[in-house]
C-alpha atoms as a PDB file:
ATOM      1  CA  UNK A   1      -2.054 -39.639 -12.348  1.00  0.00           C
ATOM      2  CA  UNK A   2      -0.146 -41.142 -15.130  1.00  0.00           C
ATOM      3  CA  UNK A   3      -1.141 -40.338 -18.760  1.00  0.00           C
ATOM      4  CA  UNK A   4      -3.895 -42.524 -20.167  1.00  0.00           C
ATOM      5  CA  UNK A   5      -1.927 -44.882 -22.562  1.00  0.00           C
ATOM      6  CA  UNK A   6       0.468 -45.936 -19.640  1.00  0.00           C
ATOM      7  CA  UNK A   7      -2.774 -46.593 -17.871  1.00  0.00           C
ATOM      8  CA  UNK A   8      -3.754 -49.096 -20.505  1.00  0.00           C
ATOM      9  CA  UNK A   9      -0.427 -50.804 -20.147  1.00  0.00           C
ATOM     10  CA  UNK A  10      -0.404 -50.871 -16.445  1.00  0.00           C
ATOM     11  CA  UNK A  11      -0.765 -54.443 -15.366  1.00  0.00           C
ATOM     12  CA  UNK A  12      -1.192 -54.243 -11.555  1.00  0.00           C
ATOM     13  CA  UNK A  13      -0.436 -51.604  -9.088  1.00  0.00           C
ATOM     14  CA  UNK A  14       2.425 -52.476  -6.429  1.00  0.00           C
ATOM     15  CA  UNK A  15       1.456 -54.770  -3.688  1.00  0.00           C
ATOM     16  CA  UNK A  16       1.040 -53.123  -0.417  1.00  0.00           C
ATOM     17  CA  UNK A  17       4.210 -52.778   1.828  1.00  0.00           C
ATOM     18  CA  UNK A  18       5.087 -55.256   4.618  1.00  0.00           C
ATOM     19  CA  UNK A  19       3.731 -54.300   8.089  1.00  0.00           C
ATOM     20  CA  UNK A  20       0.352 -53.194   6.913  1.00  0.00           C
ATOM     21  CA  UNK A  21      -1.211 -50.819   9.356  1.00  0.00           C
ATOM     22  CA  UNK A  22      -4.576 -52.206  11.002  1.00  0.00           C
ATOM     23  CA  UNK A  23      -6.457 -49.044   9.846  1.00  0.00           C
ATOM     24  CA  UNK A  24      -6.043 -46.518   6.951  1.00  0.00           C
ATOM     25  CA  UNK A  25      -7.364 -42.953   7.323  1.00  0.00           C
ATOM     26  CA  UNK A  26      -9.606 -41.775   4.357  1.00  0.00           C
ATOM     27  CA  UNK A  27      -6.804 -39.683   3.131  1.00  0.00           C
ATOM     28  CA  UNK A  28      -4.366 -42.560   3.335  1.00  0.00           C
ATOM     29  CA  UNK A  29      -6.803 -44.827   1.495  1.00  0.00           C
ATOM     30  CA  UNK A  30      -7.168 -42.090  -1.241  1.00  0.00           C
ATOM     31  CA  UNK A  31      -3.456 -41.528  -1.559  1.00  0.00           C
ATOM     32  CA  UNK A  32      -2.604 -45.164  -1.856  1.00  0.00           C
ATOM     33  CA  UNK A  33      -5.255 -46.363  -4.098  1.00  0.00           C
ATOM     34  CA  UNK A  34      -6.405 -43.377  -6.278  1.00  0.00           C
ATOM     35  CA  UNK A  35      -4.127 -44.084  -8.976  1.00  0.00           C
ATOM     36  CA  UNK A  36      -5.326 -47.712  -9.149  1.00  0.00           C
ATOM     37  CA  UNK A  37      -8.990 -46.679  -9.281  1.00  0.00           C
ATOM     38  CA  UNK A  38      -8.097 -43.997 -11.857  1.00  0.00           C
ATOM     39  CA  UNK A  39      -6.483 -46.835 -14.223  1.00  0.00           C
ATOM     40  CA  UNK A  40      -9.366 -49.135 -13.865  1.00  0.00           C
ATOM     41  CA  UNK A  41     -11.737 -46.275 -14.387  1.00  0.00           C
ATOM     42  CA  UNK A  42      -9.852 -45.291 -17.576  1.00  0.00           C
ATOM     43  CA  UNK A  43      -9.650 -48.702 -19.146  1.00  0.00           C
ATOM     44  CA  UNK A  44     -13.438 -49.301 -18.234  1.00  0.00           C
ATOM     45  CA  UNK A  45     -14.717 -45.994 -19.485  1.00  0.00           C
ATOM     46  CA  UNK A  46     -12.132 -45.143 -22.155  1.00  0.00           C
ATOM     47  CA  UNK A  47     -12.291 -41.546 -21.508  1.00  0.00           C
ATOM     48  CA  UNK A  48     -10.026 -39.311 -19.509  1.00  0.00           C
ATOM     49  CA  UNK A  49     -12.498 -36.634 -19.203  1.00  0.00           C
ATOM     50  CA  UNK A  50     -14.557 -38.899 -16.950  1.00  0.00           C
ATOM     51  CA  UNK A  51     -11.769 -40.450 -14.833  1.00  0.00           C
ATOM     52  CA  UNK A  52     -11.481 -37.682 -12.146  1.00  0.00           C
ATOM     53  CA  UNK A  53     -15.283 -37.647 -11.561  1.00  0.00           C
ATOM     54  CA  UNK A  54     -15.320 -41.307 -11.463  1.00  0.00           C
ATOM     55  CA  UNK A  55     -12.522 -41.404  -8.860  1.00  0.00           C
ATOM     56  CA  UNK A  56     -14.321 -38.989  -6.721  1.00  0.00           C
ATOM     57  CA  UNK A  57     -17.400 -41.022  -6.922  1.00  0.00           C
ATOM     58  CA  UNK A  58     -15.692 -44.156  -5.844  1.00  0.00           C
ATOM     59  CA  UNK A  59     -13.995 -42.694  -2.951  1.00  0.00           C
ATOM     60  CA  UNK A  60     -17.073 -40.751  -1.836  1.00  0.00           C
ATOM     61  CA  UNK A  61     -18.953 -44.296  -1.884  1.00  0.00           C
ATOM     62  CA  UNK A  62     -16.060 -45.982  -0.146  1.00  0.00           C
ATOM     63  CA  UNK A  63     -15.988 -43.462   2.624  1.00  0.00           C
ATOM     64  CA  UNK A  64     -19.752 -43.867   3.205  1.00  0.00           C
ATOM     65  CA  UNK A  65     -19.436 -47.631   3.247  1.00  0.00           C
ATOM     66  CA  UNK A  66     -16.090 -47.669   5.236  1.00  0.00           C
ATOM     67  CA  UNK A  67     -17.557 -50.160   7.776  1.00  0.00           C
ATOM     68  CA  UNK A  68     -17.624 -52.857   5.007  1.00  0.00           C
ATOM     69  CA  UNK A  69     -14.055 -52.901   4.773  1.00  0.00           C
ATOM     70  CA  UNK A  70     -12.947 -55.392   7.704  1.00  0.00           C
ATOM     71  CA  UNK A  71      -9.268 -55.929   6.497  1.00  0.00           C
ATOM     72  CA  UNK A  72      -7.081 -53.027   5.046  1.00  0.00           C
ATOM     73  CA  UNK A  73      -5.373 -55.821   3.044  1.00  0.00           C
ATOM     74  CA  UNK A  74      -8.731 -56.275   0.992  1.00  0.00           C
ATOM     75  CA  UNK A  75      -8.952 -52.418   0.328  1.00  0.00           C
ATOM     76  CA  UNK A  76      -7.596 -52.636  -3.233  1.00  0.00           C
ATOM     77  CA  UNK A  77     -10.074 -55.366  -4.141  1.00  0.00           C
ATOM     78  CA  UNK A  78     -12.940 -53.620  -2.417  1.00  0.00           C
ATOM     79  CA  UNK A  79     -12.170 -50.481  -4.209  1.00  0.00           C
ATOM     80  CA  UNK A  80     -12.017 -52.377  -7.544  1.00  0.00           C
ATOM     81  CA  UNK A  81     -15.528 -53.544  -6.963  1.00  0.00           C
ATOM     82  CA  UNK A  82     -16.818 -50.192  -6.130  1.00  0.00           C
ATOM     83  CA  UNK A  83     -15.061 -48.859  -9.249  1.00  0.00           C
ATOM     84  CA  UNK A  84     -16.596 -51.477 -11.609  1.00  0.00           C
ATOM     85  CA  UNK A  85     -20.106 -50.530  -9.886  1.00  0.00           C
ATOM     86  CA  UNK A  86     -19.703 -46.890 -10.466  1.00  0.00           C
ATOM     87  CA  UNK A  87     -18.237 -47.334 -13.897  1.00  0.00           C
ATOM     88  CA  UNK A  88     -21.504 -49.325 -14.796  1.00  0.00           C
ATOM     89  CA  UNK A  89     -23.625 -46.473 -13.726  1.00  0.00           C
ATOM     90  CA  UNK A  90     -21.529 -44.005 -15.904  1.00  0.00           C
ATOM     91  CA  UNK A  91     -21.710 -46.347 -18.943  1.00  0.00           C
ATOM     92  CA  UNK A  92     -25.524 -46.669 -18.601  1.00  0.00           C
ATOM     93  CA  UNK A  93     -25.947 -42.987 -18.213  1.00  0.00           C
ATOM     94  CA  UNK A  94     -23.769 -42.409 -21.230  1.00  0.00           C
ATOM     95  CA  UNK A  95     -26.069 -44.677 -23.245  1.00  0.00           C
ATOM     96  CA  UNK A  96     -29.018 -42.627 -22.240  1.00  0.00           C
ATOM     97  CA  UNK A  97     -27.174 -39.504 -23.226  1.00  0.00           C
ATOM     98  CA  UNK A  98     -26.233 -40.939 -26.574  1.00  0.00           C
ATOM     99  CA  UNK A  99     -29.703 -42.091 -27.202  1.00  0.00           C
ATOM    100  CA  UNK A 100     -31.252 -38.575 -26.739  1.00  0.00           C
ATOM    101  CA  UNK A 101     -28.250 -36.998 -28.523  1.00  0.00           C
ATOM    102  CA  UNK A 102     -26.591 -35.281 -25.625  1.00  0.00           C
ATOM    103  CA  UNK A 103     -23.251 -37.404 -25.978  1.00  0.00           C
ATOM    104  CA  UNK A 104     -21.319 -37.553 -29.187  1.00  0.00           C
ATOM    105  CA  UNK A 105     -17.958 -37.905 -27.683  1.00  0.00           C
ATOM    106  CA  UNK A 106     -15.554 -40.309 -29.253  1.00  0.00           C
ATOM    107  CA  UNK A 107     -15.306 -43.611 -27.513  1.00  0.00           C
ATOM    108  CA  UNK A 108     -11.605 -43.438 -26.519  1.00  0.00           C
ATOM    109  CA  UNK A 109      -9.472 -40.424 -25.639  1.00  0.00           C
ATOM    110  CA  UNK A 110      -5.668 -40.972 -25.805  1.00  0.00           C
ATOM    111  CA  UNK A 111      -3.222 -38.257 -25.444  1.00  0.00           C
ATOM    112  CA  UNK A 112      -0.136 -40.389 -26.357  1.00  0.00           C
ATOM    113  CA  UNK A 113       1.549 -39.568 -29.755  1.00  0.00           C
ATOM    114  CA  UNK A 114       4.072 -42.274 -28.890  1.00  0.00           C
ATOM    115  CA  UNK A 115       1.717 -45.173 -29.505  1.00  0.00           C
ATOM    116  CA  UNK A 116       2.070 -46.395 -33.184  1.00  0.00           C
ATOM    117  CA  UNK A 117      -0.849 -45.510 -35.418  1.00  0.00           C
ATOM    118  CA  UNK A 118      -1.795 -49.102 -36.195  1.00  0.00           C
ATOM    119  CA  UNK A 119      -2.058 -49.841 -32.376  1.00  0.00           C
ATOM    120  CA  UNK A 120      -3.981 -46.603 -31.739  1.00  0.00           C
ATOM    121  CA  UNK A 121      -6.507 -47.413 -34.634  1.00  0.00           C
ATOM    122  CA  UNK A 122      -7.000 -50.812 -33.342  1.00  0.00           C
ATOM    123  CA  UNK A 123      -7.514 -49.747 -29.791  1.00  0.00           C
ATOM    124  CA  UNK A 124     -10.004 -47.128 -31.140  1.00  0.00           C
ATOM    125  CA  UNK A 125     -11.902 -49.774 -33.033  1.00  0.00           C
ATOM    126  CA  UNK A 126     -12.066 -52.218 -30.026  1.00  0.00           C
ATOM    127  CA  UNK A 127     -13.506 -49.208 -27.870  1.00  0.00           C
ATOM    128  CA  UNK A 128     -15.985 -48.352 -30.717  1.00  0.00           C
ATOM    129  CA  UNK A 129     -17.210 -51.825 -30.683  1.00  0.00           C
ATOM    130  CA  UNK A 130     -17.298 -51.941 -26.785  1.00  0.00           C
ATOM    131  CA  UNK A 131     -19.405 -49.022 -26.726  1.00  0.00           C
ATOM    132  CA  UNK A 132     -22.215 -50.839 -28.819  1.00  0.00           C
ATOM    133  CA  UNK A 133     -22.459 -53.968 -26.546  1.00  0.00           C
ATOM    134  CA  UNK A 134     -24.197 -54.323 -23.456  1.00  0.00           C
ATOM    135  CA  UNK A 135     -22.475 -52.578 -20.371  1.00  0.00           C
ATOM    136  CA  UNK A 136     -22.253 -55.897 -18.566  1.00  0.00           C
ATOM    137  CA  UNK A 137     -20.481 -57.608 -21.467  1.00  0.00           C
ATOM    138  CA  UNK A 138     -18.241 -54.547 -21.814  1.00  0.00           C
ATOM    139  CA  UNK A 139     -17.245 -54.591 -18.017  1.00  0.00           C
ATOM    140  CA  UNK A 140     -16.734 -58.276 -17.909  1.00  0.00           C
ATOM    141  CA  UNK A 141     -14.614 -58.332 -20.978  1.00  0.00           C
ATOM    142  CA  UNK A 142     -12.362 -55.433 -20.088  1.00  0.00           C
ATOM    143  CA  UNK A 143     -11.827 -56.615 -16.499  1.00  0.00           C
ATOM    144  CA  UNK A 144     -10.844 -59.968 -17.878  1.00  0.00           C
ATOM    145  CA  UNK A 145      -8.670 -59.071 -20.925  1.00  0.00           C
ATOM    146  CA  UNK A 146      -7.451 -55.520 -20.384  1.00  0.00           C
ATOM    147  CA  UNK A 147      -7.286 -55.630 -16.691  1.00  0.00           C
ATOM    148  CA  UNK A 148      -6.104 -59.213 -16.804  1.00  0.00           C
ATOM    149  CA  UNK A 149      -8.140 -60.482 -13.807  1.00  0.00           C
ATOM    150  CA  UNK A 150      -8.868 -64.228 -13.122  1.00  0.00           C
ATOM    151  CA  UNK A 151     -12.401 -65.120 -13.937  1.00  0.00           C
ATOM    152  CA  UNK A 152     -13.283 -65.444 -10.232  1.00  0.00           C
ATOM    153  CA  UNK A 153     -12.268 -61.708  -9.690  1.00  0.00           C
ATOM    154  CA  UNK A 154     -14.244 -60.719 -12.943  1.00  0.00           C
ATOM    155  CA  UNK A 155     -17.409 -62.243 -11.348  1.00  0.00           C
ATOM    156  CA  UNK A 156     -16.808 -60.717  -7.994  1.00  0.00           C
ATOM    157  CA  UNK A 157     -16.130 -57.233  -9.447  1.00  0.00           C
ATOM    158  CA  UNK A 158     -19.096 -57.504 -11.838  1.00  0.00           C
ATOM    159  CA  UNK A 159     -21.348 -58.731  -9.071  1.00  0.00           C
ATOM    160  CA  UNK A 160     -22.247 -61.940 -10.923  1.00  0.00           C
ATOM    161  CA  UNK A 161     -21.826 -65.568 -10.785  1.00  0.00           C
ATOM    162  CA  UNK A 162     -18.721 -67.168 -12.451  1.00  0.00           C
ATOM    163  CA  UNK A 163     -21.025 -68.753 -14.989  1.00  0.00           C
ATOM    164  CA  UNK A 164     -22.482 -65.637 -15.816  1.00  0.00           C
ATOM    165  CA  UNK A 165     -19.137 -63.852 -16.108  1.00  0.00           C
ATOM    166  CA  UNK A 166     -17.980 -66.504 -18.402  1.00  0.00           C
ATOM    167  CA  UNK A 167     -21.197 -65.989 -20.745  1.00  0.00           C
ATOM    168  CA  UNK A 168     -20.705 -62.344 -20.882  1.00  0.00           C
ATOM    169  CA  UNK A 169     -17.002 -62.597 -21.740  1.00  0.00           C
ATOM    170  CA  UNK A 170     -17.706 -65.047 -24.410  1.00  0.00           C
ATOM    171  CA  UNK A 171     -20.488 -63.008 -25.871  1.00  0.00           C
ATOM    172  CA  UNK A 172     -18.433 -59.774 -25.987  1.00  0.00           C
ATOM    173  CA  UNK A 173     -15.322 -61.762 -27.467  1.00  0.00           C
ATOM    174  CA  UNK A 174     -17.672 -63.193 -30.055  1.00  0.00           C
ATOM    175  CA  UNK A 175     -18.985 -59.837 -31.037  1.00  0.00           C
ATOM    176  CA  UNK A 176     -15.568 -58.221 -31.115  1.00  0.00           C
ATOM    177  CA  UNK A 177     -14.176 -61.153 -33.235  1.00  0.00           C
ATOM    178  CA  UNK A 178     -17.104 -60.787 -35.581  1.00  0.00           C
ATOM    179  CA  UNK A 179     -16.887 -57.062 -36.057  1.00  0.00           C
ATOM    180  CA  UNK A 180     -13.187 -57.087 -36.570  1.00  0.00           C
ATOM    181  CA  UNK A 181     -13.211 -60.004 -38.850  1.00  0.00           C
ATOM    182  CA  UNK A 182     -15.872 -58.681 -40.927  1.00  0.00           C
ATOM    183  CA  UNK A 183     -13.854 -55.469 -41.715  1.00  0.00           C
END
């Protein structure tokens, strides 16, 4: 898996090769898409320490739900939906742990010294603000603006209507803007 900062800049995984097989084994599915899942997971969670566990959870769920994958060409999108769902669970549990004082970890864990200090500080501040908004708004905003997904894909991955996805993104953007402008 590439280092975390590169994952933040990773736009999209490479498209599947021509002549896609009709079926993928569990091993092939994992080998082909685990870095994609890890990239999404890191950007959603903001912590390297949670990515490996998230990847395992996503593929465990995917293997159990394998019958839902009807077309191997949809595997990437299908795994993205599962990743967002599992990240949602982790973020909600993180909130509970923070509330009872069991989680005091910083919001973003970067191991890249090459990132300029100003960019690092801004990124840290954005994730601190994201940590204080609702999980649903956080997921929608990150999927839209950090993942760079179209609104339709945001709605699909977040399991909501297009209108709800737009409202969540707008609410998150307004909160981020207010916090950053207020400093």
